[in-house]
């Protein structure tokens, strides 16, 4: 269970100025950036993750300036799929235009836990299902989100990925065609991997952990 337990903390004028500077710099390079609400974890337990909604611009500022908030680091929550087709596991290479880890291979789909309807309780499976539709063009009929596998915190940015199983009755070629036709441009390449294959590099740490658990 994931739940909101406090409001967004205030920032000092000095930190707010630094956040605004990082955001404006990023906007100049990526004009379509959207300052949405993203969930940040305060306490992560075996059964409950509690935290608060924050602005994406605050998260981006921490990516650019890891010590900006001192000891009060943001731990943005994200969902990541380990997607199983009928013929193997699918991974995606992040676009070279990505804000974070361009060119890295990760579980697909993946995305920040966002406030889609102002909710105070967050359904991680529904969040990942929404990413399936946006990034890969997969509807609820075409895929099923399963159990959580693990949580993995990125050491520099403090992003916390929650890895989850996804299964689809589609084969890889059908999935790739659907992604090309209906998905967005999140991935520059999709790859089907099998146990005997040598994995591409570099890998997002969460993908490495999920594949290791899958052995």
C-alpha atoms as a PDB file:
ATOM      1  CA  UNK A   1       0.000   0.000   0.000  1.00  0.00           C
ATOM      2  CA  UNK A   2       1.172   3.515  -0.811  1.00  0.00           C
ATOM      3  CA  UNK A   3      -0.426   6.465   0.943  1.00  0.00           C
ATOM      4  CA  UNK A   4      -0.018  10.215   1.326  1.00  0.00           C
ATOM      5  CA  UNK A   5       0.559  11.267   4.943  1.00  0.00           C
ATOM      6  CA  UNK A   6       1.703  14.899   4.773  1.00  0.00           C
ATOM      7  CA  UNK A   7       1.637  17.966   2.592  1.00  0.00           C
ATOM      8  CA  UNK A   8       4.400  19.303   0.368  1.00  0.00           C
ATOM      9  CA  UNK A   9       7.059  20.942   2.555  1.00  0.00           C
ATOM     10  CA  UNK A  10       7.913  24.614   2.109  1.00  0.00           C
ATOM     11  CA  UNK A  11      11.263  25.641   0.652  1.00  0.00           C
ATOM     12  CA  UNK A  12      13.460  28.460   1.843  1.00  0.00           C
ATOM     13  CA  UNK A  13      13.793  31.401  -0.593  1.00  0.00           C
ATOM     14  CA  UNK A  14      17.410  30.403  -1.306  1.00  0.00           C
ATOM     15  CA  UNK A  15      16.536  26.807  -2.179  1.00  0.00           C
ATOM     16  CA  UNK A  16      13.469  27.883  -4.147  1.00  0.00           C
ATOM     17  CA  UNK A  17      15.708  30.134  -6.240  1.00  0.00           C
ATOM     18  CA  UNK A  18      18.070  27.236  -6.957  1.00  0.00           C
ATOM     19  CA  UNK A  19      15.151  24.959  -7.890  1.00  0.00           C
ATOM     20  CA  UNK A  20      13.796  27.604 -10.270  1.00  0.00           C
ATOM     21  CA  UNK A  21      17.218  28.041 -11.875  1.00  0.00           C
ATOM     22  CA  UNK A  22      17.596  24.292 -12.534  1.00  0.00           C
ATOM     23  CA  UNK A  23      14.052  24.113 -13.899  1.00  0.00           C
ATOM     24  CA  UNK A  24      14.500  27.054 -16.263  1.00  0.00           C
ATOM     25  CA  UNK A  25      17.763  25.592 -17.560  1.00  0.00           C
ATOM     26  CA  UNK A  26      16.055  22.262 -18.219  1.00  0.00           C
ATOM     27  CA  UNK A  27      13.085  23.953 -19.924  1.00  0.00           C
ATOM     28  CA  UNK A  28      15.399  25.744 -22.311  1.00  0.00           C
ATOM     29  CA  UNK A  29      16.645  22.365 -23.543  1.00  0.00           C
ATOM     30  CA  UNK A  30      13.386  20.401 -23.148  1.00  0.00           C
ATOM     31  CA  UNK A  31      10.489  22.851 -23.745  1.00  0.00           C
ATOM     32  CA  UNK A  32       7.809  20.162 -23.329  1.00  0.00           C
ATOM     33  CA  UNK A  33       8.718  19.394 -19.707  1.00  0.00           C
ATOM     34  CA  UNK A  34       5.682  19.365 -17.422  1.00  0.00           C
ATOM     35  CA  UNK A  35       5.824  20.224 -13.728  1.00  0.00           C
ATOM     36  CA  UNK A  36       3.419  17.517 -12.543  1.00  0.00           C
ATOM     37  CA  UNK A  37       2.933  16.114  -9.061  1.00  0.00           C
ATOM     38  CA  UNK A  38       5.085  13.098  -8.231  1.00  0.00           C
ATOM     39  CA  UNK A  39       5.028  10.948  -5.104  1.00  0.00           C
ATOM     40  CA  UNK A  40       8.069  10.987  -2.808  1.00  0.00           C
ATOM     41  CA  UNK A  41       8.522   8.278  -0.181  1.00  0.00           C
ATOM     42  CA  UNK A  42       9.284   9.226   3.418  1.00  0.00           C
ATOM     43  CA  UNK A  43       9.069   5.740   4.950  1.00  0.00           C
ATOM     44  CA  UNK A  44       9.354   2.461   3.031  1.00  0.00           C
ATOM     45  CA  UNK A  45       8.132  -0.635   4.863  1.00  0.00           C
ATOM     46  CA  UNK A  46       7.409  -4.184   3.808  1.00  0.00           C
ATOM     47  CA  UNK A  47       3.659  -3.506   3.578  1.00  0.00           C
ATOM     48  CA  UNK A  48       3.265   0.295   3.487  1.00  0.00           C
ATOM     49  CA  UNK A  49       5.094   3.131   1.745  1.00  0.00           C
ATOM     50  CA  UNK A  50       4.142   6.542   3.119  1.00  0.00           C
ATOM     51  CA  UNK A  51       5.137   9.960   1.873  1.00  0.00           C
ATOM     52  CA  UNK A  52       3.964  13.132   0.170  1.00  0.00           C
ATOM     53  CA  UNK A  53       3.264  14.696  -3.211  1.00  0.00           C
ATOM     54  CA  UNK A  54       6.005  16.935  -4.580  1.00  0.00           C
ATOM     55  CA  UNK A  55       6.612  18.901  -7.765  1.00  0.00           C
ATOM     56  CA  UNK A  56       8.568  17.354 -10.601  1.00  0.00           C
ATOM     57  CA  UNK A  57      10.722  20.479 -10.769  1.00  0.00           C
ATOM     58  CA  UNK A  58      11.924  19.808  -7.215  1.00  0.00           C
ATOM     59  CA  UNK A  59      12.835  16.247  -8.180  1.00  0.00           C
ATOM     60  CA  UNK A  60      14.665  17.439 -11.287  1.00  0.00           C
ATOM     61  CA  UNK A  61      16.613  19.991  -9.214  1.00  0.00           C
ATOM     62  CA  UNK A  62      17.834  17.170  -6.955  1.00  0.00           C
ATOM     63  CA  UNK A  63      18.934  15.160 -10.012  1.00  0.00           C
ATOM     64  CA  UNK A  64      21.031  18.136 -11.108  1.00  0.00           C
ATOM     65  CA  UNK A  65      22.185  19.144  -7.610  1.00  0.00           C
ATOM     66  CA  UNK A  66      22.110  16.065  -5.303  1.00  0.00           C
ATOM     67  CA  UNK A  67      22.810  18.041  -2.102  1.00  0.00           C
ATOM     68  CA  UNK A  68      20.275  20.792  -2.716  1.00  0.00           C
ATOM     69  CA  UNK A  69      17.993  19.736   0.163  1.00  0.00           C
ATOM     70  CA  UNK A  70      20.735  18.688   2.579  1.00  0.00           C
ATOM     71  CA  UNK A  71      19.675  15.733   4.754  1.00  0.00           C
ATOM     72  CA  UNK A  72      16.006  16.125   3.692  1.00  0.00           C
ATOM     73  CA  UNK A  73      16.457  14.258   0.416  1.00  0.00           C
ATOM     74  CA  UNK A  74      13.529  13.533  -1.869  1.00  0.00           C
ATOM     75  CA  UNK A  75      12.962   9.871  -2.675  1.00  0.00           C
ATOM     76  CA  UNK A  76      10.746   9.934  -5.788  1.00  0.00           C
ATOM     77  CA  UNK A  77       8.820   6.701  -6.287  1.00  0.00           C
ATOM     78  CA  UNK A  78       8.709   5.052  -9.710  1.00  0.00           C
ATOM     79  CA  UNK A  79       7.225   1.849 -11.124  1.00  0.00           C
ATOM     80  CA  UNK A  80       9.188  -0.443 -13.445  1.00  0.00           C
ATOM     81  CA  UNK A  81       7.954  -3.521 -15.271  1.00  0.00           C
ATOM     82  CA  UNK A  82       9.619  -6.853 -15.903  1.00  0.00           C
ATOM     83  CA  UNK A  83       7.623  -7.595 -19.047  1.00  0.00           C
ATOM     84  CA  UNK A  84       7.266 -11.219 -20.155  1.00  0.00           C
ATOM     85  CA  UNK A  85       6.027 -11.963 -23.653  1.00  0.00           C
ATOM     86  CA  UNK A  86       5.355 -15.464 -24.959  1.00  0.00           C
ATOM     87  CA  UNK A  87       8.979 -15.726 -26.114  1.00  0.00           C
ATOM     88  CA  UNK A  88      11.058 -13.905 -23.515  1.00  0.00           C
ATOM     89  CA  UNK A  89      11.573 -10.774 -21.418  1.00  0.00           C
ATOM     90  CA  UNK A  90      11.445  -7.350 -23.065  1.00  0.00           C
ATOM     91  CA  UNK A  91      13.741  -4.467 -22.100  1.00  0.00           C
ATOM     92  CA  UNK A  92      13.973  -0.968 -23.536  1.00  0.00           C
ATOM     93  CA  UNK A  93      16.802   1.442 -24.230  1.00  0.00           C
ATOM     94  CA  UNK A  94      15.980   4.926 -22.995  1.00  0.00           C
ATOM     95  CA  UNK A  95      15.956   7.670 -25.588  1.00  0.00           C
ATOM     96  CA  UNK A  96      19.130   9.704 -25.989  1.00  0.00           C
ATOM     97  CA  UNK A  97      16.908  12.738 -25.321  1.00  0.00           C
ATOM     98  CA  UNK A  98      15.835  11.469 -21.878  1.00  0.00           C
ATOM     99  CA  UNK A  99      16.373  13.774 -18.906  1.00  0.00           C
ATOM    100  CA  UNK A 100      17.589  10.860 -16.777  1.00  0.00           C
ATOM    101  CA  UNK A 101      20.018   8.089 -17.807  1.00  0.00           C
ATOM    102  CA  UNK A 102      19.803   8.549 -21.590  1.00  0.00           C
ATOM    103  CA  UNK A 103      20.838   5.438 -23.498  1.00  0.00           C
ATOM    104  CA  UNK A 104      20.517   3.113 -20.488  1.00  0.00           C
ATOM    105  CA  UNK A 105      18.617  -0.165 -20.725  1.00  0.00           C
ATOM    106  CA  UNK A 106      15.761  -0.648 -18.280  1.00  0.00           C
ATOM    107  CA  UNK A 107      12.682  -2.690 -17.603  1.00  0.00           C
ATOM    108  CA  UNK A 108       9.803  -1.527 -19.782  1.00  0.00           C
ATOM    109  CA  UNK A 109       7.600   0.274 -19.158  1.00  0.00           C
ATOM    110  CA  UNK A 110       8.681   2.593 -16.338  1.00  0.00           C
ATOM    111  CA  UNK A 111       7.675   5.972 -14.944  1.00  0.00           C
ATOM    112  CA  UNK A 112       7.246   8.209 -11.947  1.00  0.00           C
ATOM    113  CA  UNK A 113       4.323   7.588  -9.621  1.00  0.00           C
ATOM    114  CA  UNK A 114       2.169  10.560 -10.579  1.00  0.00           C
ATOM    115  CA  UNK A 115      -0.968  12.197  -9.257  1.00  0.00           C
ATOM    116  CA  UNK A 116      -3.407  11.476 -12.055  1.00  0.00           C
ATOM    117  CA  UNK A 117      -6.625  12.415 -10.251  1.00  0.00           C
ATOM    118  CA  UNK A 118      -5.476  14.103  -7.005  1.00  0.00           C
ATOM    119  CA  UNK A 119      -5.649  10.789  -5.169  1.00  0.00           C
ATOM    120  CA  UNK A 120      -4.479  10.302  -1.574  1.00  0.00           C
ATOM    121  CA  UNK A 121      -3.958   6.547  -1.981  1.00  0.00           C
ATOM    122  CA  UNK A 122      -1.854   5.237  -4.808  1.00  0.00           C
ATOM    123  CA  UNK A 123      -2.434   2.007  -6.725  1.00  0.00           C
ATOM    124  CA  UNK A 124       0.980   0.950  -8.044  1.00  0.00           C
ATOM    125  CA  UNK A 125      -0.504  -1.646 -10.397  1.00  0.00           C
ATOM    126  CA  UNK A 126      -2.766   1.005 -11.941  1.00  0.00           C
ATOM    127  CA  UNK A 127       0.199   3.360 -12.283  1.00  0.00           C
ATOM    128  CA  UNK A 128       2.188   0.700 -14.150  1.00  0.00           C
ATOM    129  CA  UNK A 129      -0.813  -0.209 -16.323  1.00  0.00           C
ATOM    130  CA  UNK A 130      -1.050   3.458 -17.348  1.00  0.00           C
ATOM    131  CA  UNK A 131       2.643   3.395 -18.312  1.00  0.00           C
ATOM    132  CA  UNK A 132       2.009   0.241 -20.384  1.00  0.00           C
ATOM    133  CA  UNK A 133      -0.582   2.119 -22.402  1.00  0.00           C
ATOM    134  CA  UNK A 134       1.413   5.346 -22.777  1.00  0.00           C
ATOM    135  CA  UNK A 135       4.812   3.862 -23.588  1.00  0.00           C
ATOM    136  CA  UNK A 136       3.992   0.556 -25.305  1.00  0.00           C
ATOM    137  CA  UNK A 137       0.396   0.883 -26.468  1.00  0.00           C
ATOM    138  CA  UNK A 138      -0.674  -2.091 -24.322  1.00  0.00           C
ATOM    139  CA  UNK A 139      -4.212  -1.995 -22.928  1.00  0.00           C
ATOM    140  CA  UNK A 140      -5.442  -3.797 -19.808  1.00  0.00           C
ATOM    141  CA  UNK A 141      -6.761  -6.523 -22.116  1.00  0.00           C
ATOM    142  CA  UNK A 142      -3.316  -7.125 -23.643  1.00  0.00           C
ATOM    143  CA  UNK A 143      -1.284  -7.288 -20.423  1.00  0.00           C
ATOM    144  CA  UNK A 144      -1.617  -8.020 -16.734  1.00  0.00           C
ATOM    145  CA  UNK A 145       0.377  -6.423 -13.922  1.00  0.00           C
ATOM    146  CA  UNK A 146       1.447  -8.949 -11.292  1.00  0.00           C
ATOM    147  CA  UNK A 147       3.191  -8.898  -7.950  1.00  0.00           C
ATOM    148  CA  UNK A 148       5.854  -6.492  -6.725  1.00  0.00           C
ATOM    149  CA  UNK A 149       9.344  -7.970  -6.987  1.00  0.00           C
ATOM    150  CA  UNK A 150      11.565  -5.467  -5.179  1.00  0.00           C
ATOM    151  CA  UNK A 151      12.323  -1.831  -4.416  1.00  0.00           C
ATOM    152  CA  UNK A 152      15.655  -0.389  -5.553  1.00  0.00           C
ATOM    153  CA  UNK A 153      16.982   3.075  -4.604  1.00  0.00           C
ATOM    154  CA  UNK A 154      19.346   4.804  -7.015  1.00  0.00           C
ATOM    155  CA  UNK A 155      22.357   5.946  -4.967  1.00  0.00           C
ATOM    156  CA  UNK A 156      22.860   9.422  -6.450  1.00  0.00           C
ATOM    157  CA  UNK A 157      19.320  10.590  -7.249  1.00  0.00           C
ATOM    158  CA  UNK A 158      17.472   8.630  -4.510  1.00  0.00           C
ATOM    159  CA  UNK A 159      14.809   7.582  -7.014  1.00  0.00           C
ATOM    160  CA  UNK A 160      13.136   4.445  -5.643  1.00  0.00           C
ATOM    161  CA  UNK A 161      12.016   1.992  -8.329  1.00  0.00           C
ATOM    162  CA  UNK A 162       9.350  -0.554  -7.454  1.00  0.00           C
ATOM    163  CA  UNK A 163       9.817  -3.480  -9.828  1.00  0.00           C
ATOM    164  CA  UNK A 164       6.715  -5.460 -10.799  1.00  0.00           C
ATOM    165  CA  UNK A 165       5.939  -8.415 -13.045  1.00  0.00           C
ATOM    166  CA  UNK A 166       3.921  -7.877 -16.228  1.00  0.00           C
ATOM    167  CA  UNK A 167       2.727 -10.649 -18.514  1.00  0.00           C
ATOM    168  CA  UNK A 168       1.271 -10.413 -22.006  1.00  0.00           C
ATOM    169  CA  UNK A 169      -0.098 -12.989 -24.414  1.00  0.00           C
ATOM    170  CA  UNK A 170       1.625 -11.171 -27.287  1.00  0.00           C
ATOM    171  CA  UNK A 171       4.896 -12.294 -28.837  1.00  0.00           C
ATOM    172  CA  UNK A 172       7.803  -9.863 -29.127  1.00  0.00           C
ATOM    173  CA  UNK A 173       7.328  -8.924 -32.781  1.00  0.00           C
ATOM    174  CA  UNK A 174       3.646  -8.131 -32.232  1.00  0.00           C
ATOM    175  CA  UNK A 175       4.504  -6.107 -29.132  1.00  0.00           C
ATOM    176  CA  UNK A 176       7.209  -4.155 -30.996  1.00  0.00           C
ATOM    177  CA  UNK A 177       4.809  -3.333 -33.839  1.00  0.00           C
ATOM    178  CA  UNK A 178       2.154  -2.167 -31.391  1.00  0.00           C
ATOM    179  CA  UNK A 179       4.678  -0.011 -29.530  1.00  0.00           C
ATOM    180  CA  UNK A 180       5.783   1.592 -32.805  1.00  0.00           C
ATOM    181  CA  UNK A 181       2.198   2.335 -33.783  1.00  0.00           C
ATOM    182  CA  UNK A 182       0.587   3.294 -30.474  1.00  0.00           C
ATOM    183  CA  UNK A 183       3.342   3.989 -27.939  1.00  0.00           C
ATOM    184  CA  UNK A 184       5.328   7.148 -27.302  1.00  0.00           C
ATOM    185  CA  UNK A 185       9.015   7.805 -27.958  1.00  0.00           C
ATOM    186  CA  UNK A 186      10.279   6.746 -24.520  1.00  0.00           C
ATOM    187  CA  UNK A 187      12.501   3.976 -25.951  1.00  0.00           C
ATOM    188  CA  UNK A 188      14.745   4.176 -28.958  1.00  0.00           C
ATOM    189  CA  UNK A 189      14.999   0.374 -29.066  1.00  0.00           C
ATOM    190  CA  UNK A 190      13.223  -2.638 -27.581  1.00  0.00           C
ATOM    191  CA  UNK A 191      15.087  -5.926 -27.130  1.00  0.00           C
ATOM    192  CA  UNK A 192      13.958  -9.476 -26.383  1.00  0.00           C
ATOM    193  CA  UNK A 193      16.280 -11.228 -23.950  1.00  0.00           C
ATOM    194  CA  UNK A 194      16.590 -14.884 -23.025  1.00  0.00           C
ATOM    195  CA  UNK A 195      18.623 -16.592 -20.263  1.00  0.00           C
ATOM    196  CA  UNK A 196      21.519 -17.574 -22.543  1.00  0.00           C
ATOM    197  CA  UNK A 197      22.048 -14.080 -23.945  1.00  0.00           C
ATOM    198  CA  UNK A 198      24.747 -11.573 -23.032  1.00  0.00           C
ATOM    199  CA  UNK A 199      22.983  -8.472 -21.721  1.00  0.00           C
ATOM    200  CA  UNK A 200      23.547  -5.057 -23.285  1.00  0.00           C
ATOM    201  CA  UNK A 201      25.103  -2.231 -21.298  1.00  0.00           C
ATOM    202  CA  UNK A 202      24.687   0.057 -19.478  1.00  0.00           C
ATOM    203  CA  UNK A 203      21.791  -1.251 -17.360  1.00  0.00           C
ATOM    204  CA  UNK A 204      19.656   0.686 -14.894  1.00  0.00           C
ATOM    205  CA  UNK A 205      20.377  -0.925 -11.467  1.00  0.00           C
ATOM    206  CA  UNK A 206      16.742  -1.954 -11.007  1.00  0.00           C
ATOM    207  CA  UNK A 207      16.798  -4.033 -14.181  1.00  0.00           C
ATOM    208  CA  UNK A 208      19.963  -5.820 -13.046  1.00  0.00           C
ATOM    209  CA  UNK A 209      18.325  -6.627  -9.706  1.00  0.00           C
ATOM    210  CA  UNK A 210      15.098  -7.897 -11.277  1.00  0.00           C
ATOM    211  CA  UNK A 211      16.910 -10.109 -13.765  1.00  0.00           C
ATOM    212  CA  UNK A 212      19.121 -11.506 -10.990  1.00  0.00           C
ATOM    213  CA  UNK A 213      16.013 -12.353  -8.964  1.00  0.00           C
ATOM    214  CA  UNK A 214      14.464 -13.930 -12.058  1.00  0.00           C
ATOM    215  CA  UNK A 215      17.291 -16.486 -12.480  1.00  0.00           C
END
